[in-house]
Amino acid sequence: MTQTTKQLRSSETPSDSSSNYSLEELNRESTFGGAGEDFDQREIRVIDLSDFENRRAEIADQLWAAATEVGFFQLSNTGIEQAEVDAAFAEADRFFKLPESTKSQYPRPKGVNAGWESLSQVRPSTGTADQKESYQITRYHMDGLWPTEGELPEFQHHALSFEQRCWELGMKVLSCFADKLGFERDFFTRAHDQFREDYQSTLRLLHYYPCEGVDKQENIWRAGAHTDFDCLTLLFQHEGHGGLQVCPGKEAETKRWTNVPPLGGVVTCNIGDMLMRWSDDKLKSNLHRVRMPLKEEYCGSRYSIAFFCQANKKVMIEGPEHKYAPITAEDYLNERIRANFTKADS
């Protein structure tokens, strides 16, 4: 393993599964730190979004089935061209190749999903730091966090352009869930209003560090088991960069994990905890993780890009059946950030 991993193995300890969090989701997540077993007979459905407006009812039915039964699915013919995705990965590569002395000038502020972090995210499921660095872009939290034009010419422009494309796709998918839940079709679009200063959806560029590979998965993870904080996650995987695994919510007690193929031309999606609450648990927020590569597998850097559809801060999350007490999206997100970055923010 890398020197970083060796240092973590000697200094970090697994989380105590008896830890008590104020949110039920975090208490559940804290019990999923073990390796479990692989189970590759589970289908990750691919849903075709072509001719969206004419096929809206059919697509909504397919999304609903995938989201209620598994919580994880992939989208094809999204309207985002592969050339746009490739360009976004090129921008991420430019950022992560900056010297650490430069990246460290733009650190993630306490309690905020913005800026650069490295080896600072500690999942409640593992108690050990994820083996990665990331750069998070949340439009109204970026003061002083953008690299200069001298350091990365036009990086801000290209990043925000791709963020806009992700938002458009996310709102298209969420409009289908609004239909199925009996909300007005633009309900989630209004809840994720880009033009309000409490907007908090986030584009996250991710670089998982290269390593020597392992004989078996122990307690060091590229990303420990977790559910996402948001309503909907869009994930762009670099083709050939594997390791992402999923364990469906309603089958989580089996602790059997399915590999999600890192395919080009599709967007991998999962339901987040915000939307699970909003749907009174009808839509399944899905446990997932990124395991360490085995010695015989590709052990170089792994890159991905995620877009998190996170409702605006002042929006109240409350399902039609009132299964959970109402909570603002700001308070909900703050609880999740605190649980994941406790050491970094202390």
Protein backbone atom coordinates (compact mmCIF):
# COMPACT_ATOMS: atom_id res chain seq x y z
CA MET A 1 0.00 0.00 0.00
CA THR A 2 0.99 3.63 -0.27
CA GLN A 3 2.75 5.38 2.57
CA THR A 4 -0.46 7.33 3.20
CA THR A 5 -2.43 4.14 3.71
CA LYS A 6 0.19 2.70 6.05
CA GLN A 7 0.01 5.81 8.21
CA LEU A 8 -3.78 5.61 8.34
CA ARG A 9 -3.76 1.93 9.19
CA SER A 10 -1.66 2.60 12.28
CA SER A 11 -3.42 5.78 13.39
CA GLU A 12 -7.09 5.22 12.59
CA THR A 13 -9.54 2.87 14.22
CA PRO A 14 -12.87 1.57 12.95
CA SER A 15 -15.97 3.45 13.96
CA ASP A 16 -17.94 2.28 16.96
CA SER A 17 -21.18 0.89 15.57
CA SER A 18 -22.91 1.91 18.77
CA SER A 19 -22.38 5.61 17.97
CA ASN A 20 -25.58 7.58 18.26
CA TYR A 21 -26.41 10.16 15.59
CA SER A 22 -29.39 12.46 15.50
CA LEU A 23 -30.43 11.16 12.06
CA GLU A 24 -31.67 7.61 11.58
CA GLU A 25 -29.79 7.37 8.27
CA LEU A 26 -26.44 7.89 9.98
CA ASN A 27 -27.09 5.27 12.65
CA ARG A 28 -27.89 2.80 9.87
CA GLU A 29 -24.81 3.76 7.86
CA SER A 30 -22.50 3.29 10.85
CA THR A 31 -23.18 -0.47 10.88
CA PHE A 32 -21.91 -1.17 7.34
CA GLY A 33 -18.13 -1.01 7.66
CA GLY A 34 -17.32 -4.68 6.98
CA ALA A 35 -16.25 -6.20 3.68
CA GLY A 36 -19.39 -8.35 3.25
CA GLU A 37 -19.47 -10.49 0.13
CA ASP A 38 -19.64 -9.91 -3.62
CA PHE A 39 -22.90 -10.67 -5.41
CA ASP A 40 -22.86 -10.00 -9.14
CA GLN A 41 -26.22 -11.53 -10.03
CA ARG A 42 -28.06 -8.27 -9.25
CA GLU A 43 -29.09 -6.19 -12.27
CA ILE A 44 -28.11 -2.53 -12.58
CA ARG A 45 -30.81 -1.33 -14.98
CA VAL A 46 -30.05 0.98 -17.91
CA ILE A 47 -32.89 3.40 -18.71
CA ASP A 48 -33.00 5.07 -22.13
CA LEU A 49 -34.00 8.77 -21.96
CA SER A 50 -34.22 9.31 -25.71
CA ASP A 51 -37.32 11.12 -27.03
CA PHE A 52 -37.96 12.12 -23.42
CA GLU A 53 -41.06 14.27 -23.73
CA ASN A 54 -42.93 11.81 -25.92
CA ARG A 55 -41.89 8.86 -23.72
CA ARG A 56 -42.16 10.65 -20.36
CA ALA A 57 -44.79 8.31 -18.83
CA GLU A 58 -42.89 5.19 -19.89
CA ILE A 59 -39.57 6.58 -18.63
CA ALA A 60 -41.16 7.67 -15.34
CA ASP A 61 -42.46 4.12 -14.80
CA GLN A 62 -39.00 2.66 -15.46
CA LEU A 63 -37.30 5.17 -13.15
CA TRP A 64 -39.85 4.53 -10.41
CA ALA A 65 -39.40 0.75 -10.63
CA ALA A 66 -35.61 1.02 -10.47
CA ALA A 67 -35.67 3.59 -7.67
CA THR A 68 -38.19 1.76 -5.47
CA GLU A 69 -36.74 -1.72 -5.95
CA VAL A 70 -32.99 -1.03 -6.05
CA GLY A 71 -32.27 2.70 -5.76
CA PHE A 72 -29.42 2.51 -8.28
CA PHE A 73 -29.68 2.72 -12.08
CA GLN A 74 -27.88 3.97 -15.17
CA LEU A 75 -29.11 6.40 -17.84
CA SER A 76 -28.36 6.35 -21.56
CA ASN A 77 -29.09 8.98 -24.23
CA THR A 78 -29.16 11.69 -21.57
CA GLY A 79 -28.46 14.63 -23.86
CA ILE A 80 -25.01 15.09 -22.32
CA GLU A 81 -22.58 14.06 -25.06
CA GLN A 82 -19.56 11.89 -24.31
CA ALA A 83 -17.34 14.71 -25.60
CA GLU A 84 -18.70 16.94 -22.81
CA VAL A 85 -17.96 14.26 -20.21
CA ASP A 86 -14.45 13.75 -21.59
CA ALA A 87 -13.85 17.51 -21.43
CA ALA A 88 -15.02 17.56 -17.78
CA PHE A 89 -12.60 14.77 -16.91
CA ALA A 90 -9.83 16.74 -18.63
CA GLU A 91 -10.65 19.74 -16.40
CA ALA A 92 -10.57 17.50 -13.31
CA ASP A 93 -7.19 16.14 -14.41
CA ARG A 94 -5.87 19.68 -14.82
CA PHE A 95 -6.97 20.56 -11.30
CA PHE A 96 -5.62 17.47 -9.57
CA LYS A 97 -2.25 17.82 -11.32
CA LEU A 98 -1.73 21.20 -9.66
CA PRO A 99 0.94 21.14 -6.94
CA GLU A 100 -0.45 20.41 -3.50
CA SER A 101 0.87 23.79 -2.40
CA THR A 102 -1.52 25.36 -4.91
CA LYS A 103 -4.55 23.15 -4.20
CA SER A 104 -4.13 23.73 -0.47
CA GLN A 105 -4.82 27.44 -1.01
CA TYR A 106 -8.45 26.47 -1.71
CA PRO A 107 -9.39 24.25 1.24
CA ARG A 108 -12.92 23.12 2.04
CA PRO A 109 -14.25 25.58 4.65
CA LYS A 110 -15.65 24.12 7.85
CA GLY A 111 -19.17 22.80 7.39
CA VAL A 112 -19.35 23.62 3.66
CA ASN A 113 -19.44 21.45 0.52
CA ALA A 114 -16.96 23.52 -1.46
CA GLY A 115 -13.23 23.62 -2.10
CA TRP A 116 -10.46 21.02 -1.94
CA GLU A 117 -9.96 18.26 0.61
CA SER A 118 -7.58 15.33 0.85
CA LEU A 119 -7.81 12.28 3.13
CA SER A 120 -10.26 14.17 5.36
CA GLN A 121 -13.59 12.41 4.79
CA VAL A 122 -14.17 9.80 7.51
CA ARG A 123 -17.33 7.76 7.01
CA PRO A 124 -19.44 6.69 10.01
CA SER A 125 -19.27 3.15 8.55
CA THR A 126 -15.48 2.83 8.76
CA GLY A 127 -13.88 5.47 10.97
CA THR A 128 -10.96 5.62 8.50
CA ALA A 129 -10.24 8.32 5.97
CA ASP A 130 -11.29 7.74 2.37
CA GLN A 131 -8.21 7.31 0.16
CA LYS A 132 -8.96 10.24 -2.11
CA GLU A 133 -8.88 13.94 -2.75
CA SER A 134 -11.81 15.93 -4.09
CA TYR A 135 -12.73 19.40 -5.25
CA GLN A 136 -16.30 20.51 -4.65
CA ILE A 137 -18.09 23.26 -6.53
CA THR A 138 -21.19 24.80 -4.93
CA ARG A 139 -22.01 28.01 -6.81
CA TYR A 140 -22.68 30.41 -3.92
CA HIS A 141 -19.90 29.12 -1.64
CA MET A 142 -16.96 29.59 -4.00
CA ASP A 143 -15.60 32.97 -2.92
CA GLY A 144 -11.82 32.58 -2.76
CA LEU A 145 -12.00 28.89 -3.70
CA TRP A 146 -11.48 29.04 -7.47
CA PRO A 147 -7.97 28.58 -8.87
CA THR A 148 -6.79 31.75 -10.56
CA GLU A 149 -6.82 32.17 -14.32
CA GLY A 150 -3.04 32.06 -14.17
CA GLU A 151 -3.12 28.68 -12.45
CA LEU A 152 -5.95 27.12 -14.52
CA PRO A 153 -7.12 29.23 -17.46
CA GLU A 154 -10.93 29.01 -18.04
CA PHE A 155 -11.32 26.24 -15.44
CA GLN A 156 -14.16 28.08 -13.66
CA HIS A 157 -16.04 28.66 -16.92
CA HIS A 158 -15.78 25.03 -18.04
CA ALA A 159 -16.66 23.63 -14.60
CA LEU A 160 -19.78 25.78 -14.25
CA SER A 161 -20.88 24.94 -17.79
CA PHE A 162 -20.74 21.22 -16.98
CA GLU A 163 -22.45 21.82 -13.64
CA GLN A 164 -25.32 23.46 -15.55
CA ARG A 165 -25.64 20.45 -17.86
CA CYS A 166 -25.78 18.13 -14.84
CA TRP A 167 -28.44 20.26 -13.17
CA GLU A 168 -30.61 20.11 -16.29
CA LEU A 169 -30.39 16.31 -16.41
CA GLY A 170 -31.03 15.99 -12.67
CA MET A 171 -34.16 18.14 -12.86
CA LYS A 172 -35.45 16.10 -15.81
CA VAL A 173 -35.17 12.88 -13.77
CA LEU A 174 -36.58 14.48 -10.62
CA SER A 175 -39.59 15.78 -12.58
CA CYS A 176 -40.52 12.13 -13.22
CA PHE A 177 -40.36 11.38 -9.51
CA ALA A 178 -42.50 14.47 -8.82
CA ASP A 179 -45.12 13.05 -11.19
CA LYS A 180 -45.09 9.68 -9.43
CA LEU A 181 -45.26 11.21 -5.93
CA GLY A 182 -48.23 13.42 -6.80
CA PHE A 183 -46.26 16.69 -6.60
CA GLU A 184 -46.42 19.38 -9.25
CA ARG A 185 -44.08 18.50 -12.09
CA ASP A 186 -41.69 21.38 -11.35
CA PHE A 187 -41.73 20.76 -7.58
CA PHE A 188 -38.10 19.61 -7.37
CA THR A 189 -36.91 22.15 -9.93
CA ARG A 190 -38.24 24.90 -7.64
CA ALA A 191 -36.65 23.15 -4.65
CA HIS A 192 -33.27 23.26 -6.45
CA ASP A 193 -33.60 26.82 -7.78
CA GLN A 194 -30.22 27.87 -9.23
CA PHE A 195 -30.97 31.56 -8.97
CA ARG A 196 -31.43 31.65 -5.21
CA GLU A 197 -28.42 32.26 -2.99
CA ASP A 198 -29.37 29.31 -0.78
CA TYR A 199 -28.78 26.94 -3.73
CA GLN A 200 -26.55 24.09 -2.54
CA SER A 201 -26.33 21.46 -5.29
CA THR A 202 -22.71 20.41 -5.72
CA LEU A 203 -20.41 19.23 -8.52
CA ARG A 204 -17.62 17.09 -7.07
CA LEU A 205 -14.43 16.14 -8.90
CA LEU A 206 -12.87 13.01 -7.37
CA HIS A 207 -9.39 11.51 -7.53
CA TYR A 208 -8.78 8.25 -5.68
CA TYR A 209 -5.08 7.82 -5.00
CA PRO A 210 -3.06 5.07 -6.70
CA CYS A 211 -2.08 2.18 -4.47
CA GLU A 212 -0.27 -1.17 -4.53
CA GLY A 213 -3.44 -3.23 -4.32
CA VAL A 214 -4.52 -5.59 -1.57
CA ASP A 215 -4.95 -9.35 -1.09
CA LYS A 216 -8.33 -8.79 0.54
CA GLN A 217 -10.46 -5.82 1.55
CA GLU A 218 -9.88 -4.77 5.14
CA ASN A 219 -10.75 -1.47 6.83
CA ILE A 220 -9.07 0.98 4.44
CA TRP A 221 -11.38 2.07 1.60
CA ARG A 222 -11.18 4.36 -1.34
CA ALA A 223 -14.66 5.42 -0.17
CA GLY A 224 -16.31 3.71 2.79
CA ALA A 225 -19.89 2.46 2.68
CA HIS A 226 -22.39 5.31 2.73
CA THR A 227 -25.63 6.68 1.44
CA ASP A 228 -25.64 10.09 -0.24
CA PHE A 229 -26.98 13.18 1.51
CA ASP A 230 -28.93 14.51 -1.46
CA CYS A 231 -32.04 13.88 -3.54
CA LEU A 232 -30.34 12.40 -6.59
CA THR A 233 -26.71 11.71 -7.52
CA LEU A 234 -25.41 11.68 -11.09
CA LEU A 235 -22.07 9.89 -11.38
CA PHE A 236 -19.75 9.91 -14.36
CA GLN A 237 -17.25 7.07 -14.19
CA HIS A 238 -13.99 7.00 -16.11
CA GLU A 239 -14.27 3.92 -18.31
CA GLY A 240 -12.16 1.08 -16.92
CA HIS A 241 -11.80 2.64 -13.45
CA GLY A 242 -13.73 0.09 -11.37
CA GLY A 243 -14.33 -0.43 -7.67
CA LEU A 244 -17.81 1.08 -7.21
CA GLN A 245 -20.15 -1.35 -5.45
CA VAL A 246 -23.77 -1.11 -4.39
CA CYS A 247 -25.90 -2.84 -1.75
CA PRO A 248 -29.64 -2.16 -2.26
CA GLY A 249 -31.44 -0.54 0.66
CA LYS A 250 -34.16 -3.09 1.22
CA GLU A 251 -31.62 -5.94 0.95
CA ALA A 252 -28.89 -4.22 2.98
CA GLU A 253 -29.15 -6.74 5.80
CA THR A 254 -27.57 -9.30 3.42
CA LYS A 255 -24.43 -7.15 3.09
CA ARG A 256 -23.96 -8.49 -0.42
CA TRP A 257 -22.32 -6.02 -2.76
CA THR A 258 -22.71 -5.75 -6.53
CA ASN A 259 -20.07 -4.22 -8.80
CA VAL A 260 -21.29 -1.28 -10.91
CA PRO A 261 -19.56 -1.44 -14.31
CA PRO A 262 -17.59 1.72 -15.18
CA LEU A 263 -19.10 2.19 -18.64
CA GLY A 264 -18.73 5.08 -21.01
CA GLY A 265 -21.88 6.57 -22.50
CA VAL A 266 -24.04 6.13 -19.41
CA VAL A 267 -24.65 8.15 -16.26
CA THR A 268 -24.86 6.12 -13.05
CA CYS A 269 -27.54 7.40 -10.65
CA ASN A 270 -28.66 6.71 -7.13
CA ILE A 271 -31.36 8.01 -4.85
CA GLY A 272 -30.15 10.02 -1.85
CA ASP A 273 -31.46 10.34 1.69
CA MET A 274 -33.23 13.67 1.08
CA LEU A 275 -35.45 12.10 -1.57
CA MET A 276 -36.01 8.96 0.47
CA ARG A 277 -37.38 11.17 3.26
CA TRP A 278 -39.42 13.22 0.80
CA SER A 279 -40.99 10.02 -0.54
CA ASP A 280 -41.71 8.61 2.94
CA ASP A 281 -39.19 5.83 2.18
CA LYS A 282 -40.82 4.71 -1.08
CA LEU A 283 -37.69 5.63 -3.02
CA LYS A 284 -34.64 3.77 -1.76
CA SER A 285 -31.44 5.55 -0.78
CA ASN A 286 -28.76 3.07 -1.62
CA LEU A 287 -25.61 2.07 0.23
CA HIS A 288 -22.53 2.17 -1.96
CA ARG A 289 -18.76 2.29 -1.61
CA VAL A 290 -15.50 2.19 -3.56
CA ARG A 291 -13.35 -0.74 -2.54
CA MET A 292 -9.57 -0.98 -2.76
CA PRO A 293 -8.32 -2.74 -5.91
CA LEU A 294 -6.93 -6.24 -5.61
CA LYS A 295 -3.28 -6.77 -6.59
CA GLU A 296 -4.20 -8.30 -9.95
CA GLU A 297 -6.46 -5.35 -10.84
CA TYR A 298 -5.73 -1.83 -12.10
CA CYS A 299 -4.24 0.00 -9.10
CA GLY A 300 -3.56 3.40 -10.60
CA SER A 301 -5.48 6.62 -9.99
CA ARG A 302 -9.25 6.35 -10.20
CA TYR A 303 -11.26 9.38 -11.34
CA SER A 304 -14.98 10.10 -11.22
CA ILE A 305 -17.27 13.14 -11.27
CA ALA A 306 -20.44 13.38 -9.20
CA PHE A 307 -23.27 15.89 -9.22
CA PHE A 308 -25.41 16.02 -6.09
CA CYS A 309 -28.93 17.44 -6.46
CA GLN A 310 -29.29 18.97 -2.98
CA ALA A 311 -32.38 21.04 -2.25
CA ASN A 312 -31.95 24.74 -1.47
CA LYS A 313 -31.19 25.50 2.17
CA LYS A 314 -34.53 27.04 3.10
CA VAL A 315 -36.62 24.29 1.51
CA MET A 316 -38.51 22.11 4.00
CA ILE A 317 -38.19 18.36 3.49
CA GLU A 318 -41.51 16.77 4.37
CA GLY A 319 -43.19 13.78 2.74
CA PRO A 320 -46.90 13.65 1.95
CA GLU A 321 -47.43 10.95 4.61
CA HIS A 322 -45.33 12.82 7.26
CA LYS A 323 -43.28 9.75 8.18
CA TYR A 324 -40.38 11.97 9.30
CA ALA A 325 -40.44 15.24 11.20
CA PRO A 326 -39.99 18.25 8.88
CA ILE A 327 -36.41 19.49 8.53
CA THR A 328 -34.88 22.19 6.35
CA ALA A 329 -32.47 21.06 3.67
CA GLU A 330 -29.81 23.26 5.30
CA ASP A 331 -30.13 21.57 8.70
CA TYR A 332 -30.26 18.15 7.09
CA LEU A 333 -27.12 18.71 5.02
CA ASN A 334 -25.25 20.20 7.98
CA GLU A 335 -25.94 17.07 10.06
CA ARG A 336 -24.53 14.88 7.30
CA ILE A 337 -21.44 17.03 6.72
CA ARG A 338 -20.64 17.08 10.44
CA ALA A 339 -20.84 13.28 10.61
CA ASN A 340 -18.49 12.84 7.65
CA PHE A 341 -15.90 15.52 8.37
CA THR A 342 -15.88 15.50 12.18
CA LYS A 343 -12.08 15.34 12.49
CA ALA A 344 -11.44 17.85 9.74
CA ASP A 345 -13.91 20.33 11.23
CA SER A 346 -12.92 19.91 14.87
